[in-house]
C-alpha atoms as a PDB file:
ATOM      1  CA  MET A   1      49.715  72.669   4.438  1.00  0.00           C
ATOM      2  CA  PRO A   2      48.618  69.133   6.706  1.00  0.00           C
ATOM      3  CA  SER A   3      46.281  66.800   4.994  1.00  0.00           C
ATOM      4  CA  ALA A   4      43.206  67.393   7.529  1.00  0.00           C
ATOM      5  CA  GLN A   5      43.678  70.820   6.931  1.00  0.00           C
ATOM      6  CA  LEU A   6      43.663  70.527   3.049  1.00  0.00           C
ATOM      7  CA  LEU A   7      40.881  68.309   3.090  1.00  0.00           C
ATOM      8  CA  GLU A   8      38.788  71.075   5.442  1.00  0.00           C
ATOM      9  CA  GLN A   9      39.576  73.379   2.618  1.00  0.00           C
ATOM     10  CA  LEU A  10      38.774  70.836  -0.657  1.00  0.00           C
ATOM     11  CA  HIS A  11      35.311  70.277   1.378  1.00  0.00           C
ATOM     12  CA  LEU A  12      34.874  73.833   1.449  1.00  0.00           C
ATOM     13  CA  GLY A  13      35.205  73.732  -2.526  1.00  0.00           C
ATOM     14  CA  ASP A  14      38.182  75.862  -1.915  1.00  0.00           C
ATOM     15  CA  PRO A  15      40.205  75.748  -5.585  1.00  0.00           C
ATOM     16  CA  ARG A  16      43.559  76.535  -4.188  1.00  0.00           C
ATOM     17  CA  SER A  17      43.164  73.312  -2.320  1.00  0.00           C
ATOM     18  CA  VAL A  18      41.110  71.449  -4.998  1.00  0.00           C
ATOM     19  CA  ALA A  19      43.924  71.831  -7.538  1.00  0.00           C
ATOM     20  CA  ARG A  20      46.766  70.958  -4.485  1.00  0.00           C
ATOM     21  CA  ALA A  21      44.805  67.742  -4.061  1.00  0.00           C
ATOM     22  CA  ILE A  22      44.754  66.948  -7.539  1.00  0.00           C
ATOM     23  CA  SER A  23      48.641  67.322  -8.205  1.00  0.00           C
ATOM     24  CA  LEU A  24      49.203  65.381  -5.167  1.00  0.00           C
ATOM     25  CA  VAL A  25      47.797  62.430  -6.925  1.00  0.00           C
ATOM     26  CA  GLU A  26      48.609  63.077 -10.228  1.00  0.00           C
ATOM     27  CA  ASP A  27      52.818  63.000  -8.655  1.00  0.00           C
ATOM     28  CA  GLN A  28      51.860  60.095  -6.394  1.00  0.00           C
ATOM     29  CA  ALA A  29      52.365  62.072  -3.167  1.00  0.00           C
ATOM     30  CA  GLU A  30      52.875  60.435  -0.296  1.00  0.00           C
ATOM     31  CA  MET A  31      49.707  62.724   1.385  1.00  0.00           C
ATOM     32  CA  ALA A  32      47.628  61.646  -2.102  1.00  0.00           C
ATOM     33  CA  ASN A  33      46.349  58.563   0.213  1.00  0.00           C
ATOM     34  CA  ARG A  34      45.065  59.932   3.168  1.00  0.00           C
ATOM     35  CA  ILE A  35      43.530  62.957   1.140  1.00  0.00           C
ATOM     36  CA  MET A  36      41.639  59.689  -0.905  1.00  0.00           C
ATOM     37  CA  GLN A  37      40.350  58.430   1.951  1.00  0.00           C
ATOM     38  CA  GLY A  38      39.100  61.421   4.116  1.00  0.00           C
ATOM     39  CA  LEU A  39      36.657  62.475   0.758  1.00  0.00           C
ATOM     40  CA  ASP A  40      33.307  63.547   1.696  1.00  0.00           C
ATOM     41  CA  GLN A  41      31.398  59.690   1.036  1.00  0.00           C
ATOM     42  CA  GLU A  42      27.903  61.416   1.034  1.00  0.00           C
ATOM     43  CA  ARG A  43      29.522  64.125  -1.441  1.00  0.00           C
ATOM     44  CA  LEU A  44      31.208  61.157  -3.637  1.00  0.00           C
ATOM     45  CA  ASP A  45      27.683  59.169  -3.748  1.00  0.00           C
ATOM     46  CA  LYS A  46      25.484  62.126  -5.111  1.00  0.00           C
ATOM     47  CA  ALA A  47      27.475  62.727  -7.626  1.00  0.00           C
ATOM     48  CA  LEU A  48      27.163  62.122 -12.016  1.00  0.00           C
ATOM     49  CA  THR A  49      30.282  61.475 -13.449  1.00  0.00           C
ATOM     50  CA  VAL A  50      29.521  61.999 -17.697  1.00  0.00           C
ATOM     51  CA  GLY A  51      31.872  60.608 -19.935  1.00  0.00           C
ATOM     52  CA  ILE A  52      32.314  62.983 -23.177  1.00  0.00           C
ATOM     53  CA  THR A  53      34.605  60.851 -25.999  1.00  0.00           C
ATOM     54  CA  GLY A  54      34.287  60.701 -29.275  1.00  0.00           C
ATOM     55  CA  PRO A  55      37.079  61.630 -32.524  1.00  0.00           C
ATOM     56  CA  PRO A  56      38.966  64.260 -33.077  1.00  0.00           C
ATOM     57  CA  GLY A  57      37.188  67.356 -34.645  1.00  0.00           C
ATOM     58  CA  ALA A  58      33.916  66.039 -33.425  1.00  0.00           C
ATOM     59  CA  GLY A  59      32.925  69.492 -31.318  1.00  0.00           C
ATOM     60  CA  LYS A  60      33.742  67.653 -27.973  1.00  0.00           C
ATOM     61  CA  SER A  61      35.150  70.619 -26.266  1.00  0.00           C
ATOM     62  CA  THR A  62      32.459  73.024 -27.703  1.00  0.00           C
ATOM     63  CA  LEU A  63      29.827  70.635 -26.118  1.00  0.00           C
ATOM     64  CA  THR A  64      31.227  69.990 -23.163  1.00  0.00           C
ATOM     65  CA  SER A  65      31.185  74.113 -21.963  1.00  0.00           C
ATOM     66  CA  ALA A  66      27.734  74.320 -23.637  1.00  0.00           C
ATOM     67  CA  LEU A  67      27.273  71.283 -20.856  1.00  0.00           C
ATOM     68  CA  VAL A  68      28.441  73.198 -18.198  1.00  0.00           C
ATOM     69  CA  ARG A  69      27.003  76.404 -19.129  1.00  0.00           C
ATOM     70  CA  HIS A  70      23.240  74.924 -19.244  1.00  0.00           C
ATOM     71  CA  LEU A  71      24.273  73.412 -15.879  1.00  0.00           C
ATOM     72  CA  ARG A  72      25.141  76.570 -14.021  1.00  0.00           C
ATOM     73  CA  GLN A  73      21.917  77.435 -15.234  1.00  0.00           C
ATOM     74  CA  ARG A  74      20.462  75.525 -13.319  1.00  0.00           C
ATOM     75  CA  GLY A  75      22.437  76.351 -10.496  1.00  0.00           C
ATOM     76  CA  THR A  76      24.850  73.163 -10.460  1.00  0.00           C
ATOM     77  CA  ARG A  77      28.496  73.251  -9.406  1.00  0.00           C
ATOM     78  CA  VAL A  78      30.507  71.285 -12.364  1.00  0.00           C
ATOM     79  CA  GLY A  79      34.050  69.841 -12.432  1.00  0.00           C
ATOM     80  CA  VAL A  80      35.733  69.275 -15.959  1.00  0.00           C
ATOM     81  CA  ILE A  81      38.767  67.298 -16.575  1.00  0.00           C
ATOM     82  CA  ALA A  82      39.861  68.126 -20.249  1.00  0.00           C
ATOM     83  CA  VAL A  83      42.398  64.656 -20.698  1.00  0.00           C
ATOM     84  CA  ASP A  84      45.004  66.296 -23.563  1.00  0.00           C
ATOM     85  CA  PRO A  85      47.250  64.516 -25.581  1.00  0.00           C
ATOM     86  CA  SER A  86      50.644  64.821 -24.233  1.00  0.00           C
ATOM     87  CA  SER A  87      53.690  66.655 -25.410  1.00  0.00           C
ATOM     88  CA  PRO A  88      55.701  64.153 -26.728  1.00  0.00           C
ATOM     89  CA  LEU A  89      58.091  66.955 -25.278  1.00  0.00           C
ATOM     90  CA  THR A  90      57.230  68.194 -21.990  1.00  0.00           C
ATOM     91  CA  HIS A  91      54.415  65.086 -20.997  1.00  0.00           C
ATOM     92  CA  GLY A  92      52.285  67.959 -20.072  1.00  0.00           C
ATOM     93  CA  ALA A  93      48.620  68.514 -21.335  1.00  0.00           C
ATOM     94  CA  LEU A  94      48.285  70.418 -24.558  1.00  0.00           C
ATOM     95  CA  LEU A  95      45.799  72.947 -22.983  1.00  0.00           C
ATOM     96  CA  GLY A  96      43.869  72.736 -25.972  1.00  0.00           C
ATOM     97  CA  ASP A  97      40.463  72.413 -24.294  1.00  0.00           C
ATOM     98  CA  ARG A  98      41.733  74.803 -21.571  1.00  0.00           C
ATOM     99  CA  ILE A  99      41.255  77.107 -24.437  1.00  0.00           C
ATOM    100  CA  ARG A 100      37.550  76.203 -24.936  1.00  0.00           C
ATOM    101  CA  MET A 101      36.446  76.752 -21.554  1.00  0.00           C
ATOM    102  CA  MET A 102      37.659  80.078 -20.876  1.00  0.00           C
ATOM    103  CA  GLU A 103      34.379  81.485 -20.943  1.00  0.00           C
ATOM    104  CA  HIS A 104      33.949  79.943 -17.433  1.00  0.00           C
ATOM    105  CA  VAL A 105      37.687  80.742 -15.820  1.00  0.00           C
ATOM    106  CA  LEU A 106      36.011  83.417 -13.370  1.00  0.00           C
ATOM    107  CA  ASP A 107      33.347  81.244 -12.250  1.00  0.00           C
ATOM    108  CA  PRO A 108      33.697  80.335  -8.702  1.00  0.00           C
ATOM    109  CA  ASP A 109      31.538  77.351  -9.535  1.00  0.00           C
ATOM    110  CA  VAL A 110      33.361  75.164 -12.153  1.00  0.00           C
ATOM    111  CA  VAL A 111      36.591  73.647 -11.733  1.00  0.00           C
ATOM    112  CA  VAL A 112      38.101  72.831 -14.504  1.00  0.00           C
ATOM    113  CA  ARG A 113      41.579  70.837 -14.596  1.00  0.00           C
ATOM    114  CA  SER A 114      43.549  69.786 -18.252  1.00  0.00           C
ATOM    115  CA  MET A 115      45.530  66.762 -17.669  1.00  0.00           C
ATOM    116  CA  ALA A 116      47.920  64.601 -19.505  1.00  0.00           C
ATOM    117  CA  THR A 117      47.415  61.101 -20.990  1.00  0.00           C
ATOM    118  CA  ARG A 118      51.773  61.068 -20.528  1.00  0.00           C
ATOM    119  CA  GLY A 119      51.963  58.402 -22.937  1.00  0.00           C
ATOM    120  CA  ARG A 120      49.652  56.263 -21.700  1.00  0.00           C
ATOM    121  CA  LEU A 121      47.314  54.152 -24.205  1.00  0.00           C
ATOM    122  CA  GLY A 122      44.077  54.987 -24.531  1.00  0.00           C
ATOM    123  CA  GLY A 123      42.105  58.082 -23.228  1.00  0.00           C
ATOM    124  CA  LEU A 124      42.303  58.289 -20.072  1.00  0.00           C
ATOM    125  CA  CYS A 125      45.540  59.516 -17.774  1.00  0.00           C
ATOM    126  CA  ALA A 126      45.914  57.481 -14.770  1.00  0.00           C
ATOM    127  CA  ALA A 127      44.645  60.029 -12.068  1.00  0.00           C
ATOM    128  CA  ALA A 128      41.633  60.781 -13.758  1.00  0.00           C
ATOM    129  CA  GLY A 129      39.150  58.579 -11.597  1.00  0.00           C
ATOM    130  CA  ALA A 130      40.699  59.846  -8.120  1.00  0.00           C
ATOM    131  CA  THR A 131      40.273  64.141  -9.538  1.00  0.00           C
ATOM    132  CA  MET A 132      36.926  63.226 -10.497  1.00  0.00           C
ATOM    133  CA  ARG A 133      36.733  61.953  -6.882  1.00  0.00           C
ATOM    134  CA  ILE A 134      38.501  65.233  -5.576  1.00  0.00           C
ATOM    135  CA  MET A 135      36.091  67.488  -7.768  1.00  0.00           C
ATOM    136  CA  ALA A 136      32.935  65.675  -6.317  1.00  0.00           C
ATOM    137  CA  ALA A 137      34.365  65.784  -2.653  1.00  0.00           C
ATOM    138  CA  SER A 138      34.352  69.602  -3.339  1.00  0.00           C
ATOM    139  CA  GLY A 139      30.768  69.747  -4.308  1.00  0.00           C
ATOM    140  CA  CYS A 140      30.605  69.519  -7.704  1.00  0.00           C
ATOM    141  CA  ARG A 141      27.251  67.789  -8.560  1.00  0.00           C
ATOM    142  CA  VAL A 142      28.584  66.673 -12.167  1.00  0.00           C
ATOM    143  CA  VAL A 143      31.869  65.848 -13.443  1.00  0.00           C
ATOM    144  CA  LEU A 144      32.388  65.884 -16.864  1.00  0.00           C
ATOM    145  CA  VAL A 145      35.577  63.887 -18.169  1.00  0.00           C
ATOM    146  CA  GLU A 146      36.293  65.085 -21.975  1.00  0.00           C
ATOM    147  CA  THR A 147      39.165  62.242 -23.179  1.00  0.00           C
ATOM    148  CA  VAL A 148      41.003  62.079 -26.547  1.00  0.00           C
ATOM    149  CA  GLY A 149      40.208  60.288 -29.603  1.00  0.00           C
ATOM    150  CA  ILE A 150      38.813  57.421 -30.419  1.00  0.00           C
ATOM    151  CA  GLY A 151      38.952  53.474 -29.849  1.00  0.00           C
ATOM    152  CA  GLN A 152      40.748  52.030 -26.341  1.00  0.00           C
ATOM    153  CA  SER A 153      39.087  56.209 -24.697  1.00  0.00           C
ATOM    154  CA  GLU A 154      35.505  54.927 -24.982  1.00  0.00           C
ATOM    155  CA  MET A 155      35.951  51.469 -22.781  1.00  0.00           C
ATOM    156  CA  ASP A 156      38.331  53.317 -20.540  1.00  0.00           C
ATOM    157  CA  ILE A 157      35.933  56.524 -19.981  1.00  0.00           C
ATOM    158  CA  ALA A 158      33.227  53.512 -19.685  1.00  0.00           C
ATOM    159  CA  SER A 159      34.591  52.300 -16.783  1.00  0.00           C
ATOM    160  CA  LEU A 160      34.951  55.174 -14.581  1.00  0.00           C
ATOM    161  CA  ALA A 161      31.625  57.487 -15.581  1.00  0.00           C
ATOM    162  CA  ASP A 162      28.232  56.982 -14.817  1.00  0.00           C
ATOM    163  CA  ILE A 163      26.763  57.717 -17.806  1.00  0.00           C
ATOM    164  CA  THR A 164      29.377  57.727 -21.391  1.00  0.00           C
ATOM    165  CA  ALA A 165      28.326  59.988 -24.277  1.00  0.00           C
ATOM    166  CA  LEU A 166      29.981  59.017 -27.908  1.00  0.00           C
ATOM    167  CA  VAL A 167      29.995  62.399 -29.731  1.00  0.00           C
ATOM    168  CA  LEU A 168      30.281  62.227 -33.518  1.00  0.00           C
ATOM    169  CA  ALA A 169      29.607  64.635 -36.384  1.00  0.00           C
ATOM    170  CA  PRO A 170      28.491  64.441 -40.358  1.00  0.00           C
ATOM    171  CA  GLY A 171      31.397  62.878 -42.329  1.00  0.00           C
ATOM    172  CA  PHE A 172      32.480  60.568 -39.595  1.00  0.00           C
ATOM    173  CA  GLY A 173      30.433  57.844 -40.763  1.00  0.00           C
ATOM    174  CA  ASP A 174      33.698  55.898 -41.921  1.00  0.00           C
ATOM    175  CA  GLU A 175      34.549  55.985 -38.084  1.00  0.00           C
ATOM    176  CA  ILE A 176      31.659  53.832 -37.277  1.00  0.00           C
ATOM    177  CA  GLN A 177      32.517  51.675 -39.621  1.00  0.00           C
ATOM    178  CA  ALA A 178      36.389  51.212 -38.514  1.00  0.00           C
ATOM    179  CA  MET A 179      34.898  51.641 -34.711  1.00  0.00           C
ATOM    180  CA  LYS A 180      35.903  48.364 -32.558  1.00  0.00           C
ATOM    181  CA  ALA A 181      33.167  45.628 -31.538  1.00  0.00           C
ATOM    182  CA  GLY A 182      31.193  46.611 -28.670  1.00  0.00           C
ATOM    183  CA  ILE A 183      31.914  50.053 -28.452  1.00  0.00           C
ATOM    184  CA  LEU A 184      28.952  50.986 -29.435  1.00  0.00           C
ATOM    185  CA  GLU A 185      27.450  48.931 -26.567  1.00  0.00           C
ATOM    186  CA  VAL A 186      29.401  50.009 -24.143  1.00  0.00           C
ATOM    187  CA  VAL A 187      28.325  54.047 -24.470  1.00  0.00           C
ATOM    188  CA  ASP A 188      25.285  55.071 -23.030  1.00  0.00           C
ATOM    189  CA  LEU A 189      24.349  57.901 -25.005  1.00  0.00           C
ATOM    190  CA  LEU A 190      25.323  58.754 -29.312  1.00  0.00           C
ATOM    191  CA  VAL A 191      25.380  62.432 -29.864  1.00  0.00           C
ATOM    192  CA  ILE A 192      25.584  63.485 -33.382  1.00  0.00           C
ATOM    193  CA  ASN A 193      27.023  67.191 -32.631  1.00  0.00           C
ATOM    194  CA  LYS A 194      27.160  69.457 -35.729  1.00  0.00           C
ATOM    195  CA  ALA A 195      23.620  68.496 -36.586  1.00  0.00           C
ATOM    196  CA  ASP A 196      23.397  71.622 -38.276  1.00  0.00           C
ATOM    197  CA  MET A 197      25.380  70.282 -41.359  1.00  0.00           C
ATOM    198  CA  PRO A 198      25.148  68.378 -44.644  1.00  0.00           C
ATOM    199  CA  GLY A 199      25.401  64.531 -43.521  1.00  0.00           C
ATOM    200  CA  ALA A 200      23.737  64.744 -40.051  1.00  0.00           C
ATOM    201  CA  SER A 201      20.897  62.697 -41.660  1.00  0.00           C
ATOM    202  CA  LYS A 202      23.033  59.854 -43.167  1.00  0.00           C
ATOM    203  CA  LEU A 203      24.830  59.678 -39.627  1.00  0.00           C
ATOM    204  CA  ARG A 204      21.568  59.138 -37.668  1.00  0.00           C
ATOM    205  CA  PHE A 205      20.632  56.832 -39.730  1.00  0.00           C
ATOM    206  CA  ASP A 206      23.750  54.680 -39.802  1.00  0.00           C
ATOM    207  CA  LEU A 207      23.872  54.842 -35.814  1.00  0.00           C
ATOM    208  CA  GLY A 208      20.019  53.564 -35.723  1.00  0.00           C
ATOM    209  CA  ARG A 209      21.231  50.936 -37.829  1.00  0.00           C
ATOM    210  CA  GLU A 210      24.022  50.024 -35.750  1.00  0.00           C
ATOM    211  CA  ALA A 211      22.872  51.170 -32.213  1.00  0.00           C
ATOM    212  CA  ALA A 212      21.079  48.823 -30.490  1.00  0.00           C
ATOM    213  CA  GLN A 213      18.312  51.542 -28.991  1.00  0.00           C
ATOM    214  CA  SER A 214      17.644  54.177 -31.505  1.00  0.00           C
ATOM    215  CA  ASP A 215      16.312  56.368 -28.647  1.00  0.00           C
ATOM    216  CA  ARG A 216      20.163  56.719 -27.714  1.00  0.00           C
ATOM    217  CA  VAL A 217      20.883  59.158 -30.442  1.00  0.00           C
ATOM    218  CA  LEU A 218      20.912  63.166 -29.791  1.00  0.00           C
ATOM    219  CA  GLU A 219      20.784  65.394 -31.840  1.00  0.00           C
ATOM    220  CA  THR A 220      23.126  68.827 -31.355  1.00  0.00           C
ATOM    221  CA  ALA A 221      24.625  71.758 -32.784  1.00  0.00           C
ATOM    222  CA  ALA A 222      26.884  72.825 -29.759  1.00  0.00           C
ATOM    223  CA  ALA A 223      28.177  76.138 -31.381  1.00  0.00           C
ATOM    224  CA  GLU A 224      24.334  77.229 -31.800  1.00  0.00           C
ATOM    225  CA  ASN A 225      23.421  76.726 -28.484  1.00  0.00           C
ATOM    226  CA  GLN A 226      21.105  73.806 -30.431  1.00  0.00           C
ATOM    227  CA  GLY A 227      20.145  70.933 -28.482  1.00  0.00           C
ATOM    228  CA  ILE A 228      22.276  71.273 -25.367  1.00  0.00           C
ATOM    229  CA  GLU A 229      18.845  71.451 -22.724  1.00  0.00           C
ATOM    230  CA  ASP A 230      17.726  67.981 -24.326  1.00  0.00           C
ATOM    231  CA  LEU A 231      21.003  66.302 -24.084  1.00  0.00           C
ATOM    232  CA  LEU A 232      20.961  67.552 -20.346  1.00  0.00           C
ATOM    233  CA  ASP A 233      17.392  66.469 -19.885  1.00  0.00           C
ATOM    234  CA  ARG A 234      18.404  62.753 -21.314  1.00  0.00           C
ATOM    235  CA  ILE A 235      21.540  62.545 -19.051  1.00  0.00           C
ATOM    236  CA  LEU A 236      19.568  63.732 -16.162  1.00  0.00           C
ATOM    237  CA  ALA A 237      16.684  61.266 -17.358  1.00  0.00           C
ATOM    238  CA  LEU A 238      19.338  58.183 -17.221  1.00  0.00           C
ATOM    239  CA  GLU A 239      20.813  58.807 -13.557  1.00  0.00           C
ATOM    240  CA  THR A 240      17.719  58.670 -12.464  1.00  0.00           C
ATOM    241  CA  GLU A 241      16.690  55.233 -14.412  1.00  0.00           C
ATOM    242  CA  PHE A 242      20.349  53.888 -13.520  1.00  0.00           C
ATOM    243  CA  ARG A 243      20.158  54.535  -9.847  1.00  0.00           C
ATOM    244  CA  LYS A 244      17.120  52.324  -9.386  1.00  0.00           C
ATOM    245  CA  GLY A 245      19.566  49.381 -10.392  1.00  0.00           C
ATOM    246  CA  GLU A 246      22.271  47.884 -10.517  1.00  0.00           C
ATOM    247  CA  LYS A 247      23.951  49.228 -13.252  1.00  0.00           C
ATOM    248  CA  PHE A 248      24.915  52.603 -10.944  1.00  0.00           C
ATOM    249  CA  ILE A 249      26.324  50.300  -8.230  1.00  0.00           C
ATOM    250  CA  GLN A 250      28.337  48.561 -10.559  1.00  0.00           C
ATOM    251  CA  ARG A 251      30.223  51.251 -12.303  1.00  0.00           C
ATOM    252  CA  ARG A 252      31.643  52.767  -8.824  1.00  0.00           C
END
């Protein structure tokens, strides 16, 4: 398919064209540059990218799926990039996060892509930034990016996403102490997921003590669909706040 035709179908939200464009970028195909240069700039400017990061077991995938559900209830077209650890044999994504997104598989206004880190240090693959833009150009008002692990991944996603949320769960207090200096400063929101479990209050105290602003700390129980609306409202309020200043422009 010629690049002009592919772009036309992509801008109409055609799922196959979106997937094709992302594959071209991942494969570093010659046509990829023409695709990226032809993306609708107005849609790119209007879109919001949100990074969801944190250690394994914190419930990031369940939280991401819940955010998608609530965004769709508001009529918002959503893109999801699930960056999985690479298989050491095939270098392909393990697709664990794709499984958790199955409830949205029949929704034409939810675009999901699992991507592999392919051995790259940190929690993002090289094509993640371009994939965000392709999804935005296809009409996704919000693009959620779920990254792998803890450490460099927060730095990676914070440099690409408009807003970044670090997700932790009760029992992850040691991870707070082990975090590299600066991580709590680069993320915008600190989300205590599984907040209905013992230890949530202590984690909130620890985070509130470490974070510069206690209002950055929110609680959710994604599996029980609790706290998701409040988190979404906070994300959108931050977007409004950031768009008024230079911070939003600097991140782009």
